[in-house]
Structure formats: C-alpha cells, structure tokens
C-alpha atoms as a PDB file:
ATOM      1  CA  MET A   1     -28.503  28.142 -46.404  1.00  0.00           C
ATOM      2  CA  ASP A   2     -25.577  28.703 -44.052  1.00  0.00           C
ATOM      3  CA  LYS A   3     -24.530  32.285 -43.400  1.00  0.00           C
ATOM      4  CA  TRP A   4     -20.897  32.530 -42.303  1.00  0.00           C
ATOM      5  CA  LEU A   5     -19.969  35.778 -40.625  1.00  0.00           C
ATOM      6  CA  VAL A   6     -16.283  35.317 -39.921  1.00  0.00           C
ATOM      7  CA  ILE A   7     -13.971  33.002 -41.808  1.00  0.00           C
ATOM      8  CA  GLY A   8     -10.285  32.265 -41.423  1.00  0.00           C
ATOM      9  CA  ASP A   9      -7.917  34.849 -40.067  1.00  0.00           C
ATOM     10  CA  ARG A  10     -10.626  36.994 -38.407  1.00  0.00           C
ATOM     11  CA  VAL A  11     -11.057  34.607 -35.452  1.00  0.00           C
ATOM     12  CA  PRO A  12      -7.595  35.308 -33.917  1.00  0.00           C
ATOM     13  CA  PRO A  13      -8.341  39.065 -33.588  1.00  0.00           C
ATOM     14  CA  LEU A  14     -11.506  38.168 -31.673  1.00  0.00           C
ATOM     15  CA  LEU A  15      -9.404  36.062 -29.307  1.00  0.00           C
ATOM     16  CA  GLU A  16      -6.967  38.977 -28.916  1.00  0.00           C
ATOM     17  CA  LYS A  17      -9.912  41.243 -28.072  1.00  0.00           C
ATOM     18  CA  MET A  18     -11.072  38.714 -25.485  1.00  0.00           C
ATOM     19  CA  GLN A  19      -7.571  38.518 -23.977  1.00  0.00           C
ATOM     20  CA  ALA A  20      -7.408  42.311 -23.661  1.00  0.00           C
ATOM     21  CA  GLU A  21     -10.774  42.381 -21.881  1.00  0.00           C
ATOM     22  CA  MET A  22      -9.778  39.484 -19.645  1.00  0.00           C
ATOM     23  CA  LEU A  23      -6.519  41.213 -18.669  1.00  0.00           C
ATOM     24  CA  GLN A  24      -8.501  44.183 -17.366  1.00  0.00           C
ATOM     25  CA  LEU A  25     -10.489  41.844 -15.121  1.00  0.00           C
ATOM     26  CA  VAL A  26      -7.590  39.803 -13.687  1.00  0.00           C
ATOM     27  CA  PRO A  27      -7.387  40.337  -9.926  1.00  0.00           C
ATOM     28  CA  ALA A  28      -4.064  41.531  -8.526  1.00  0.00           C
ATOM     29  CA  LYS A  29      -3.670  38.553  -6.195  1.00  0.00           C
ATOM     30  CA  GLY A  30      -4.718  34.950  -5.933  1.00  0.00           C
ATOM     31  CA  PRO A  31      -4.515  31.904  -8.160  1.00  0.00           C
ATOM     32  CA  LEU A  32      -5.898  32.163 -11.697  1.00  0.00           C
ATOM     33  CA  ALA A  33      -7.420  29.532 -13.967  1.00  0.00           C
ATOM     34  CA  LEU A  34      -9.058  29.183 -17.341  1.00  0.00           C
ATOM     35  CA  VAL A  35     -11.755  26.514 -17.419  1.00  0.00           C
ATOM     36  CA  GLY A  36     -13.105  25.621 -20.851  1.00  0.00           C
ATOM     37  CA  ILE A  37     -16.485  24.017 -21.327  1.00  0.00           C
ATOM     38  CA  LYS A  38     -15.973  20.932 -23.515  1.00  0.00           C
ATOM     39  CA  GLY A  39     -16.171  20.984 -26.836  1.00  0.00           C
ATOM     40  CA  ARG A  40     -14.995  24.220 -28.371  1.00  0.00           C
ATOM     41  CA  GLY A  41     -14.859  26.178 -25.101  1.00  0.00           C
ATOM     42  CA  ALA A  42     -11.974  23.888 -24.132  1.00  0.00           C
ATOM     43  CA  ASP A  43     -10.183  24.603 -27.431  1.00  0.00           C
ATOM     44  CA  LEU A  44     -10.680  28.344 -26.970  1.00  0.00           C
ATOM     45  CA  ALA A  45      -9.308  28.181 -23.406  1.00  0.00           C
ATOM     46  CA  ARG A  46      -6.194  26.398 -24.736  1.00  0.00           C
ATOM     47  CA  ARG A  47      -5.717  29.159 -27.299  1.00  0.00           C
ATOM     48  CA  LEU A  48      -6.235  31.991 -24.806  1.00  0.00           C
ATOM     49  CA  LEU A  49      -3.866  30.585 -22.173  1.00  0.00           C
ATOM     50  CA  PRO A  50      -0.406  31.366 -23.670  1.00  0.00           C
ATOM     51  CA  GLY A  51      -1.183  35.038 -24.312  1.00  0.00           C
ATOM     52  CA  LEU A  52      -2.683  35.522 -20.860  1.00  0.00           C
ATOM     53  CA  LYS A  53       0.306  33.865 -19.197  1.00  0.00           C
ATOM     54  CA  GLN A  54       2.692  36.053 -21.164  1.00  0.00           C
ATOM     55  CA  GLN A  55       0.768  39.276 -20.488  1.00  0.00           C
ATOM     56  CA  THR A  56       0.267  38.660 -16.760  1.00  0.00           C
ATOM     57  CA  GLY A  57       3.584  36.959 -16.028  1.00  0.00           C
ATOM     58  CA  ARG A  58       1.639  34.662 -13.718  1.00  0.00           C
ATOM     59  CA  GLU A  59       0.988  30.958 -13.600  1.00  0.00           C
ATOM     60  CA  ILE A  60      -2.515  30.206 -14.864  1.00  0.00           C
ATOM     61  CA  SER A  61      -4.061  26.776 -14.432  1.00  0.00           C
ATOM     62  CA  LEU A  62      -6.060  25.182 -17.236  1.00  0.00           C
ATOM     63  CA  GLY A  63      -9.038  22.896 -16.775  1.00  0.00           C
ATOM     64  CA  PHE A  64     -11.996  21.520 -18.679  1.00  0.00           C
ATOM     65  CA  LEU A  65     -15.608  20.830 -17.712  1.00  0.00           C
ATOM     66  CA  ASP A  66     -17.877  18.204 -19.190  1.00  0.00           C
ATOM     67  CA  ILE A  67     -21.303  19.496 -18.210  1.00  0.00           C
ATOM     68  CA  THR A  68     -23.229  16.653 -19.869  1.00  0.00           C
ATOM     69  CA  LEU A  69     -24.725  15.260 -16.666  1.00  0.00           C
ATOM     70  CA  TYR A  70     -25.393  18.765 -15.273  1.00  0.00           C
ATOM     71  CA  ARG A  71     -27.622  19.835 -18.159  1.00  0.00           C
ATOM     72  CA  ASP A  72     -31.281  20.368 -17.324  1.00  0.00           C
ATOM     73  CA  ASP A  73     -32.258  18.577 -20.563  1.00  0.00           C
ATOM     74  CA  VAL A  74     -29.957  15.558 -20.199  1.00  0.00           C
ATOM     75  CA  GLY A  75     -32.805  13.047 -20.295  1.00  0.00           C
ATOM     76  CA  MET A  76     -34.874  14.872 -22.913  1.00  0.00           C
ATOM     77  CA  ALA A  77     -32.562  16.208 -25.607  1.00  0.00           C
ATOM     78  CA  TYR A  78     -29.796  13.711 -24.870  1.00  0.00           C
ATOM     79  CA  PRO A  79     -31.337  10.332 -23.952  1.00  0.00           C
ATOM     80  CA  HIS A  80     -27.933   8.570 -24.274  1.00  0.00           C
ATOM     81  CA  PRO A  81     -25.378  11.185 -23.215  1.00  0.00           C
ATOM     82  CA  LYS A  82     -21.707  10.689 -24.014  1.00  0.00           C
ATOM     83  CA  VAL A  83     -19.642  11.810 -21.044  1.00  0.00           C
ATOM     84  CA  LYS A  84     -16.167  13.055 -21.966  1.00  0.00           C
ATOM     85  CA  GLY A  85     -14.863  13.697 -18.466  1.00  0.00           C
ATOM     86  CA  THR A  86     -14.013  16.788 -16.445  1.00  0.00           C
ATOM     87  CA  GLU A  87     -10.359  17.702 -15.949  1.00  0.00           C
ATOM     88  CA  LEU A  88      -9.642  20.004 -13.022  1.00  0.00           C
ATOM     89  CA  ASN A  89      -6.159  19.179 -11.763  1.00  0.00           C
ATOM     90  CA  PHE A  90      -5.895  22.140  -9.393  1.00  0.00           C
ATOM     91  CA  SER A  91      -7.726  23.412  -6.332  1.00  0.00           C
ATOM     92  CA  LEU A  92     -10.670  25.706  -6.971  1.00  0.00           C
ATOM     93  CA  GLU A  93     -10.579  27.024  -3.403  1.00  0.00           C
ATOM     94  CA  GLY A  94      -9.886  30.758  -3.568  1.00  0.00           C
ATOM     95  CA  CYS A  95      -9.118  30.587  -7.290  1.00  0.00           C
ATOM     96  CA  HIS A  96     -10.198  33.304  -9.744  1.00  0.00           C
ATOM     97  CA  ILE A  97     -11.666  31.492 -12.738  1.00  0.00           C
ATOM     98  CA  PHE A  98     -12.434  32.537 -16.280  1.00  0.00           C
ATOM     99  CA  LEU A  99     -15.066  30.125 -17.560  1.00  0.00           C
ATOM    100  CA  VAL A 100     -14.671  29.907 -21.361  1.00  0.00           C
ATOM    101  CA  ASP A 101     -17.268  28.861 -23.930  1.00  0.00           C
ATOM    102  CA  ASP A 102     -17.779  29.292 -27.660  1.00  0.00           C
ATOM    103  CA  VAL A 103     -21.412  30.472 -27.953  1.00  0.00           C
ATOM    104  CA  PHE A 104     -23.559  32.041 -25.242  1.00  0.00           C
ATOM    105  CA  TYR A 105     -27.306  31.766 -25.793  1.00  0.00           C
ATOM    106  CA  THR A 106     -29.868  31.031 -23.066  1.00  0.00           C
ATOM    107  CA  GLY A 107     -27.521  30.834 -20.075  1.00  0.00           C
ATOM    108  CA  ARG A 108     -28.373  27.193 -19.364  1.00  0.00           C
ATOM    109  CA  THR A 109     -24.941  25.855 -20.350  1.00  0.00           C
ATOM    110  CA  THR A 110     -23.302  28.407 -18.060  1.00  0.00           C
ATOM    111  CA  ARG A 111     -25.658  27.504 -15.209  1.00  0.00           C
ATOM    112  CA  ALA A 112     -24.745  23.840 -15.614  1.00  0.00           C
ATOM    113  CA  ALA A 113     -21.046  24.722 -15.645  1.00  0.00           C
ATOM    114  CA  LEU A 114     -21.396  26.799 -12.469  1.00  0.00           C
ATOM    115  CA  ASP A 115     -23.239  23.936 -10.762  1.00  0.00           C
ATOM    116  CA  GLU A 116     -20.417  21.560 -11.647  1.00  0.00           C
ATOM    117  CA  LEU A 117     -17.681  23.990 -10.593  1.00  0.00           C
ATOM    118  CA  MET A 118     -19.291  24.342  -7.165  1.00  0.00           C
ATOM    119  CA  ASP A 119     -19.219  20.560  -6.763  1.00  0.00           C
ATOM    120  CA  TYR A 120     -15.419  20.755  -7.089  1.00  0.00           C
ATOM    121  CA  GLY A 121     -14.823  23.620  -4.680  1.00  0.00           C
ATOM    122  CA  ARG A 122     -15.479  27.255  -3.865  1.00  0.00           C
ATOM    123  CA  PRO A 123     -13.676  29.639  -6.214  1.00  0.00           C
ATOM    124  CA  ALA A 124     -13.011  33.247  -5.181  1.00  0.00           C
ATOM    125  CA  SER A 125     -14.678  34.453  -8.384  1.00  0.00           C
ATOM    126  CA  VAL A 126     -15.964  33.190 -11.721  1.00  0.00           C
ATOM    127  CA  LEU A 127     -16.119  35.357 -14.832  1.00  0.00           C
ATOM    128  CA  LEU A 128     -17.585  34.216 -18.133  1.00  0.00           C
ATOM    129  CA  ALA A 129     -15.665  34.688 -21.406  1.00  0.00           C
ATOM    130  CA  VAL A 130     -17.372  33.725 -24.680  1.00  0.00           C
ATOM    131  CA  LEU A 131     -16.349  34.014 -28.308  1.00  0.00           C
ATOM    132  CA  VAL A 132     -19.942  34.691 -29.456  1.00  0.00           C
ATOM    133  CA  ASP A 133     -22.886  36.218 -27.605  1.00  0.00           C
ATOM    134  CA  ARG A 134     -26.055  35.586 -29.608  1.00  0.00           C
ATOM    135  CA  GLY A 135     -28.580  36.932 -27.096  1.00  0.00           C
ATOM    136  CA  GLY A 136     -31.744  35.036 -26.181  1.00  0.00           C
ATOM    137  CA  ARG A 137     -31.339  34.865 -22.400  1.00  0.00           C
ATOM    138  CA  GLU A 138     -33.585  32.549 -20.430  1.00  0.00           C
ATOM    139  CA  LEU A 139     -31.671  32.950 -17.167  1.00  0.00           C
ATOM    140  CA  PRO A 140     -30.195  36.046 -15.491  1.00  0.00           C
ATOM    141  CA  ILE A 141     -26.645  35.254 -16.612  1.00  0.00           C
ATOM    142  CA  ARG A 142     -24.490  37.442 -18.867  1.00  0.00           C
ATOM    143  CA  PRO A 143     -20.942  37.077 -20.167  1.00  0.00           C
ATOM    144  CA  ASP A 144     -18.230  39.374 -18.785  1.00  0.00           C
ATOM    145  CA  VAL A 145     -16.016  39.077 -21.873  1.00  0.00           C
ATOM    146  CA  VAL A 146     -17.345  38.790 -25.444  1.00  0.00           C
ATOM    147  CA  GLY A 147     -15.453  38.380 -28.713  1.00  0.00           C
ATOM    148  CA  ILE A 148     -18.386  39.248 -30.995  1.00  0.00           C
ATOM    149  CA  VAL A 149     -22.151  39.726 -30.760  1.00  0.00           C
ATOM    150  CA  VAL A 150     -24.124  37.857 -33.430  1.00  0.00           C
ATOM    151  CA  GLU A 151     -27.841  38.338 -33.871  1.00  0.00           C
ATOM    152  CA  ALA A 152     -29.578  35.172 -34.995  1.00  0.00           C
ATOM    153  CA  ALA A 153     -33.218  34.245 -35.482  1.00  0.00           C
ATOM    154  CA  SER A 154     -34.704  31.784 -33.002  1.00  0.00           C
ATOM    155  CA  ASP A 155     -34.880  29.113 -35.735  1.00  0.00           C
ATOM    156  CA  CYS A 156     -31.108  29.341 -36.253  1.00  0.00           C
ATOM    157  CA  SER A 157     -28.157  28.076 -34.310  1.00  0.00           C
ATOM    158  CA  VAL A 158     -24.815  29.845 -34.155  1.00  0.00           C
ATOM    159  CA  GLU A 159     -21.881  27.561 -34.827  1.00  0.00           C
ATOM    160  CA  VAL A 160     -18.180  28.065 -34.291  1.00  0.00           C
ATOM    161  CA  ARG A 161     -15.657  26.188 -36.374  1.00  0.00           C
ATOM    162  CA  LEU A 162     -12.084  25.950 -35.147  1.00  0.00           C
ATOM    163  CA  GLN A 163      -8.991  24.788 -36.987  1.00  0.00           C
ATOM    164  CA  GLU A 164      -8.162  22.231 -34.278  1.00  0.00           C
ATOM    165  CA  VAL A 165     -11.531  20.498 -34.587  1.00  0.00           C
ATOM    166  CA  ASP A 166     -12.966  21.348 -38.000  1.00  0.00           C
ATOM    167  CA  GLY A 167      -9.946  22.086 -40.190  1.00  0.00           C
ATOM    168  CA  GLU A 168     -11.228  25.638 -40.761  1.00  0.00           C
ATOM    169  CA  GLU A 169     -12.225  28.658 -38.724  1.00  0.00           C
ATOM    170  CA  GLY A 170     -15.533  30.446 -38.830  1.00  0.00           C
ATOM    171  CA  ILE A 171     -18.597  31.683 -37.040  1.00  0.00           C
ATOM    172  CA  GLY A 172     -21.922  31.230 -38.744  1.00  0.00           C
ATOM    173  CA  THR A 173     -25.638  30.931 -38.403  1.00  0.00           C
ATOM    174  CA  VAL A 174     -27.340  27.783 -39.590  1.00  0.00           C
ATOM    175  CA  ARG A 175     -31.060  27.054 -39.821  1.00  0.00           C
ATOM    176  CA  LYS A 176     -31.737  24.355 -37.234  1.00  0.00           C
ATOM    177  CA  ASN A 177     -33.331  21.989 -39.737  1.00  0.00           C
ATOM    178  CA  GLN A 178     -30.319  22.289 -42.098  1.00  0.00           C
ATOM    179  CA  GLY A 179     -27.329  22.106 -39.721  1.00  0.00           C
ATOM    180  CA  LYS A 180     -26.452  19.942 -36.809  1.00  0.00           C
ATOM    181  CA  GLY A 181     -27.840  22.535 -34.352  1.00  0.00           C
ATOM    182  CA  ARG A 182     -26.512  23.332 -30.880  1.00  0.00           C
END
C-alpha cells in the first residue's frame, strides 16, 4: 500500500525552505545557474528559479541534464535507454551551480550528473539541492540543501508527484513491487 507523506499545498513550503537555504549559500560574485536533473529535478529547478531571481536580484541561468548515458547501470537496469537530451545553453566555466533533483538516495544519480557537468566545462562550484533526502548512501555524496528527510525501508522507493507532470502534488513511499520504483 502506498504511504503518502505530503499531499497538495505542503510541497510549496518545502520549495520555499529550499530557496531560503539556497539563498544563504549563493556566492557574492560570479555567474549563477540552476541545473535540474531530468525528470522531476528539472521541474523543481523551473519552480525554484523565479523566487531565487527575485530574492537575489541577479540573472540566474537555467539548464537541464539528461544523465541516462552517464548512469553506472545503463546497460543493466536500462537495456534500451531513452535519451531526452541535455540543455545547457550557458558557459559552465566559473559558474556557481545548484544541481537540483527530486529524491536523493544512494548518490549514484548525483555522481552521474557531476560526471556529465564536467564534460561541459569547469564550474566554480556545485551544490546539491534536493526536495527529499531518503538516506541510504552508497557514495560519499550529501545534499547541501534539503526540503524534507523521509525515512524509507530498503524495499520501498520514494516518489515525488508534481502538478506539472502528474496532475497532483505529493511525496510518498511505495513498495518496489507495487509501484513503478525509482
């Protein structure tokens, strides 16, 4: 049975919390960018951008990473990967980047995203902002900004539903054999 922790209007306050934490980490000088990891990380980056621009009064670039071919399980878990394309229409050189994702688990998605970013240039810094941190690290990577911490059993996945994609908002745990898994 699905267990939904946050439904509806409680997701925007988590994004506001993330924005407040991000604002404290924005460097005084240098170009800024939000880079969302495709799927929902890209949607979250789009939602975070206007508030950050308004609060900082600075131009902030927006980009999206498709890490499909950078995953360490691309041939195993995804024998026929569907590549959606990376969109980075700005220079990464010297840029301060907030990498945005929906759920942080083992660190492998973040590692793949960092590998891809480095193929596009050398940013001044990269900070990780996630809506949900569910624990379960397999690599020495931790998010810098977290909307909510959700504890989930190893046989569960944590899913984020967003209005733009799913027609509803929520964060929930789903047993891997019952849901689509992540």
